[in-house]
Protein backbone atom coordinates (compact mmCIF):
# COMPACT_ATOMS: atom_id res chain seq x y z
CA MET A 1 29.64 -13.03 -24.01
CA LYS A 2 28.75 -16.15 -25.98
CA LYS A 3 31.38 -15.22 -28.66
CA ASN A 4 34.09 -15.33 -25.98
CA GLY A 5 33.04 -18.77 -24.89
CA PHE A 6 31.21 -17.74 -21.76
CA ARG A 7 27.81 -19.16 -21.09
CA PRO A 8 25.43 -16.67 -19.47
CA ASP A 9 24.02 -17.81 -16.10
CA VAL A 10 20.96 -16.78 -14.04
CA VAL A 11 22.82 -13.78 -12.56
CA SER A 12 23.86 -12.53 -16.05
CA TYR A 13 20.38 -12.75 -17.47
CA THR A 14 18.85 -11.09 -14.36
CA SER A 15 21.34 -8.23 -14.65
CA LEU A 16 20.45 -7.73 -18.33
CA LEU A 17 16.72 -7.89 -17.48
CA ASN A 18 17.17 -5.15 -14.88
CA ALA A 19 19.25 -3.03 -17.26
CA TYR A 20 16.47 -3.06 -19.92
CA ARG A 21 13.85 -2.40 -17.25
CA ARG A 22 15.71 0.66 -15.99
CA SER A 23 16.29 1.90 -19.57
CA GLU A 24 12.63 1.56 -20.34
CA GLN A 25 12.98 -1.14 -23.00
CA PRO A 26 10.31 -3.71 -22.18
CA LYS A 27 10.59 -5.41 -25.57
CA LYS A 28 14.32 -6.01 -25.10
CA ALA A 29 13.59 -7.24 -21.56
CA ARG A 30 11.12 -9.74 -22.94
CA GLU A 31 13.72 -10.97 -25.45
CA VAL A 32 16.26 -11.54 -22.70
CA PHE A 33 13.54 -13.37 -20.69
CA HIS A 34 12.82 -15.78 -23.61
CA LEU A 35 16.52 -16.25 -24.27
CA LYS A 36 16.93 -17.22 -20.68
CA LYS A 37 14.31 -19.92 -20.97
CA GLN A 38 15.76 -21.19 -24.29
CA ASN A 39 19.13 -21.70 -22.53
CA ASN A 40 17.52 -23.81 -19.79
CA CYS A 41 17.73 -21.07 -17.20
CA GLU A 42 14.25 -21.27 -15.70
CA PRO A 43 12.95 -17.87 -14.61
CA ASN A 44 12.36 -17.46 -10.90
CA VAL A 45 9.91 -15.12 -9.18
CA ASP A 46 12.46 -12.27 -9.30
CA SER A 47 12.84 -12.59 -13.04
CA TYR A 48 9.08 -12.56 -13.60
CA ASN A 49 8.70 -9.53 -11.25
CA THR A 50 11.38 -7.64 -13.21
CA LEU A 51 9.52 -8.24 -16.47
CA ILE A 52 6.20 -7.26 -14.86
CA ASP A 53 7.78 -3.97 -13.76
CA ALA A 54 9.41 -3.46 -17.21
CA TYR A 55 5.92 -3.49 -18.74
CA GLY A 56 4.04 -1.81 -15.90
CA SER A 57 6.38 1.07 -15.47
CA ASN A 58 6.07 1.87 -19.18
CA GLY A 59 2.32 1.87 -19.26
CA PHE A 60 1.72 -1.67 -20.62
CA LEU A 61 -0.55 -2.85 -17.81
CA ALA A 62 -2.26 -5.57 -19.87
CA LYS A 63 1.15 -7.07 -20.85
CA ALA A 64 2.28 -6.95 -17.20
CA ILE A 65 -0.85 -8.89 -16.12
CA ASP A 66 -0.22 -11.38 -18.90
CA VAL A 67 3.23 -12.00 -17.41
CA LEU A 68 1.61 -12.73 -14.05
CA ARG A 69 -0.70 -15.31 -15.70
CA ASP A 70 2.28 -16.84 -17.56
CA MET A 71 4.16 -16.94 -14.23
CA GLU A 72 1.42 -19.05 -12.56
CA GLN A 73 0.98 -21.33 -15.57
CA ASN A 74 4.67 -22.19 -15.25
CA GLY A 75 4.28 -23.00 -11.54
CA VAL A 76 5.94 -19.85 -10.15
CA HIS A 77 3.89 -18.31 -7.44
CA PRO A 78 3.58 -14.52 -7.35
CA ASN A 79 4.58 -12.73 -4.13
CA ILE A 80 3.87 -9.36 -2.59
CA VAL A 81 6.38 -7.71 -4.90
CA SER A 82 4.33 -8.92 -7.87
CA ILE A 83 1.16 -7.41 -6.41
CA CYS A 84 2.84 -4.09 -5.48
CA THR A 85 4.33 -3.71 -8.90
CA LEU A 86 0.94 -4.17 -10.60
CA LEU A 87 -0.78 -1.78 -8.12
CA VAL A 88 1.75 0.91 -8.91
CA ALA A 89 1.27 0.25 -12.62
CA CYS A 90 -2.55 0.71 -12.21
CA GLY A 91 -1.96 4.16 -10.68
CA ARG A 92 0.30 5.13 -13.59
CA VAL A 93 -2.09 4.27 -16.36
CA GLY A 94 -5.33 5.27 -14.57
CA GLN A 95 -6.89 1.81 -14.37
CA ARG A 96 -9.05 2.12 -11.32
CA VAL A 97 -11.09 -1.11 -11.93
CA LYS A 98 -7.89 -3.13 -12.18
CA ILE A 99 -6.89 -2.23 -8.68
CA ASP A 100 -9.92 -3.99 -7.27
CA SER A 101 -9.07 -7.06 -9.41
CA ILE A 102 -5.45 -7.12 -8.26
CA LEU A 103 -6.43 -6.78 -4.58
CA SER A 104 -8.92 -9.64 -4.99
CA ALA A 105 -6.26 -11.75 -6.75
CA ALA A 106 -3.87 -11.15 -3.83
CA GLU A 107 -6.58 -12.23 -1.36
CA LEU A 108 -7.40 -15.40 -3.38
CA ARG A 109 -3.77 -16.39 -3.46
CA GLY A 110 -3.25 -15.82 0.21
CA ILE A 111 -0.81 -12.94 -0.34
CA ALA A 112 -0.99 -10.66 2.69
CA LEU A 113 -0.82 -6.99 1.77
CA ASN A 114 1.92 -4.96 3.42
CA THR A 115 2.36 -1.21 3.96
CA ILE A 116 3.83 -0.69 0.50
CA ALA A 117 0.83 -2.50 -1.20
CA TYR A 118 -1.75 -0.58 0.73
CA ASN A 119 0.06 2.73 0.11
CA ALA A 120 0.13 2.01 -3.66
CA ALA A 121 -3.61 1.10 -3.73
CA ILE A 122 -4.69 3.96 -1.45
CA GLY A 123 -2.53 6.49 -3.42
CA SER A 124 -4.05 5.37 -6.67
CA TYR A 125 -7.62 5.64 -5.43
CA MET A 126 -6.89 9.12 -4.10
CA ASN A 127 -5.42 10.11 -7.44
CA PHE A 128 -8.67 8.94 -9.10
CA GLY A 129 -10.66 10.99 -6.59
CA ASP A 130 -12.20 7.89 -5.02
CA HIS A 131 -11.76 9.03 -1.42
CA GLU A 132 -14.36 6.58 -0.01
CA LYS A 133 -12.43 3.59 -1.44
CA ALA A 134 -9.17 4.99 -0.12
CA ILE A 135 -10.66 5.37 3.38
CA GLU A 136 -12.17 1.89 3.15
CA LEU A 137 -8.73 0.45 2.33
CA TYR A 138 -7.19 2.44 5.24
CA ARG A 139 -9.78 0.94 7.66
CA SER A 140 -8.93 -2.58 6.31
CA MET A 141 -5.27 -1.79 6.85
CA ARG A 142 -5.83 -0.83 10.50
CA LYS A 143 -8.15 -3.81 11.06
CA LYS A 144 -5.43 -6.23 9.79
CA LYS A 145 -2.93 -4.38 12.04
CA VAL A 146 -0.72 -3.38 9.13
CA LYS A 147 1.28 -0.36 10.36
CA PRO A 148 0.45 2.73 8.30
CA ASP A 149 3.13 4.86 6.71
CA CYS A 150 3.19 8.17 8.56
CA GLY A 151 4.36 9.79 5.38
CA ARG A 152 0.75 9.52 4.08
CA PHE A 153 -0.73 11.43 7.02
CA THR A 154 -0.86 14.69 5.04
CA GLU A 155 -2.81 12.97 2.22
CA ALA A 156 -5.16 11.36 4.75
CA GLU A 157 -5.81 14.77 6.29
CA SER A 158 -6.42 16.27 2.89
CA THR A 159 -8.99 13.45 2.05
CA PHE A 160 -10.73 14.06 5.35
CA THR A 161 -11.07 17.77 4.53
CA LYS A 162 -12.32 17.09 1.01
CA MET A 163 -14.98 14.74 2.40
CA LYS A 164 -16.31 17.48 4.63
CA VAL A 165 -16.22 20.10 1.88
CA ALA A 166 -18.19 17.69 -0.37
CA GLY A 167 -20.83 17.45 2.31
CA CYS A 168 -19.99 14.00 3.59
CA SER A 169 -20.44 13.88 7.37
CA PRO A 170 -17.61 11.89 8.99
CA ASP A 171 -18.91 9.02 11.14
CA LEU A 172 -17.28 7.32 14.16
CA VAL A 173 -15.01 5.14 12.11
CA THR A 174 -13.76 8.07 9.97
CA TYR A 175 -13.09 10.18 13.05
CA THR A 176 -11.38 7.19 14.82
CA THR A 177 -9.21 6.61 11.79
CA MET A 178 -8.13 10.35 11.60
CA ILE A 179 -7.51 10.59 15.31
CA HIS A 180 -5.36 7.42 15.23
CA ALA A 181 -3.50 8.86 12.25
CA CYS A 182 -2.84 12.12 14.26
CA THR A 183 -1.59 10.22 17.29
CA SER A 184 0.63 7.96 15.19
CA VAL A 185 2.61 11.05 13.96
CA GLY A 186 2.52 12.69 17.44
CA ASP A 187 -0.03 15.38 16.57
CA TRP A 188 -1.98 15.09 19.87
CA GLU A 189 -3.27 18.69 19.62
CA LYS A 190 -4.95 17.92 16.27
CA ALA A 191 -6.38 14.64 17.71
CA ALA A 192 -7.93 16.61 20.62
CA ALA A 193 -9.45 19.12 18.22
CA LEU A 194 -10.98 16.28 16.20
CA PHE A 195 -12.40 14.68 19.26
CA LYS A 196 -14.03 17.99 20.26
CA GLU A 197 -15.42 18.24 16.69
CA MET A 198 -16.94 14.84 17.18
CA ARG A 199 -18.71 16.06 20.27
CA MET A 200 -20.00 19.20 18.44
CA ASN A 201 -21.33 17.03 15.63
CA ASN A 202 -23.01 14.61 18.07
CA VAL A 203 -20.96 11.61 16.98
CA HIS A 204 -21.10 8.86 19.59
CA GLN A 205 -17.72 8.91 21.30
CA MET A 206 -17.83 6.09 23.86
CA PRO A 207 -16.24 3.37 21.66
CA LEU A 208 -13.34 5.68 20.90
CA LEU A 209 -12.95 6.74 24.58
CA PHE A 210 -12.99 3.06 25.57
CA ARG A 211 -10.26 2.34 23.03
CA LEU A 212 -8.10 5.27 24.21
CA CYS A 213 -8.51 4.19 27.80
CA CYS A 214 -7.38 0.71 26.95
CA GLU A 215 -4.34 2.01 25.09
CA LEU A 216 -3.52 4.21 28.10
CA SER A 217 -3.76 1.29 30.52
CA ILE A 218 -1.47 -0.78 28.28
CA LEU A 219 1.11 2.01 28.16
CA GLY A 220 0.82 2.55 31.91
CA ALA A 221 1.39 -1.13 32.59
CA ASN A 222 4.94 -0.59 31.39
CA GLN A 223 7.29 2.10 32.58
CA PRO A 224 5.69 5.45 31.75
CA ASN A 225 7.11 6.93 28.54
CA GLN A 226 6.52 9.88 26.25
CA ASP A 227 3.45 8.23 24.63
CA THR A 228 1.88 7.82 28.11
CA CYS A 229 2.44 11.45 28.95
CA CYS A 230 1.06 12.63 25.61
CA MET A 231 -2.10 10.53 26.01
CA ILE A 232 -2.63 11.85 29.57
CA GLU A 233 -2.25 15.39 28.20
CA PHE A 234 -4.62 14.49 25.41
CA PHE A 235 -7.37 13.51 27.88
CA GLY A 236 -6.74 16.83 29.65
CA GLN A 237 -7.58 18.72 26.45
CA LEU A 238 -10.89 17.05 26.05
CA LYS A 239 -12.71 19.15 28.65
């Protein structure tokens, strides 16, 4: 490009970075990154994120974290993409402890986790067999009103079953989380079965009943829809 008298611009360098990232050549990506800086094309957050992913997706988690530090030292603020990329990298290389550090780093920097970030962290914890931490994160997700990905419902159900097999007795919060997961994917029959199981295991149900009644009243305040009918039917199955 230079031989033909053309000077590479930000777009050209970014395209090269992405090409080396996709072809699993992090060293080449780093060379392009440095070349970009030498030619007075200051890297932006997207450039840094591409380099983080180039290292992270190839198992070089420590180098990916170094890029994040370098990014901040140069006055470029990481965003949710930076965090998600690192969380996915942690899962790939089996660095459970680093997940906690990255989540803390996001919180300290005021970066609000989204569904993708939560899914990456929860999925990694589940892969490590740390089901308690996965459930704790799911509760945090619900508390912060981040909409869960219904595609993870099967994994959530699997974790719930593993907890019971391991002798962990589900509490009110765990049952509430699972029942909400069931209703979010439209499995009202399973939700009703879980509610009955709560009753059999003498788990206090009033807070959950109160919440369900509130949800029903909110739905009923608008024109009745399928959700309203499903919830009414759900209450009918609780006898």
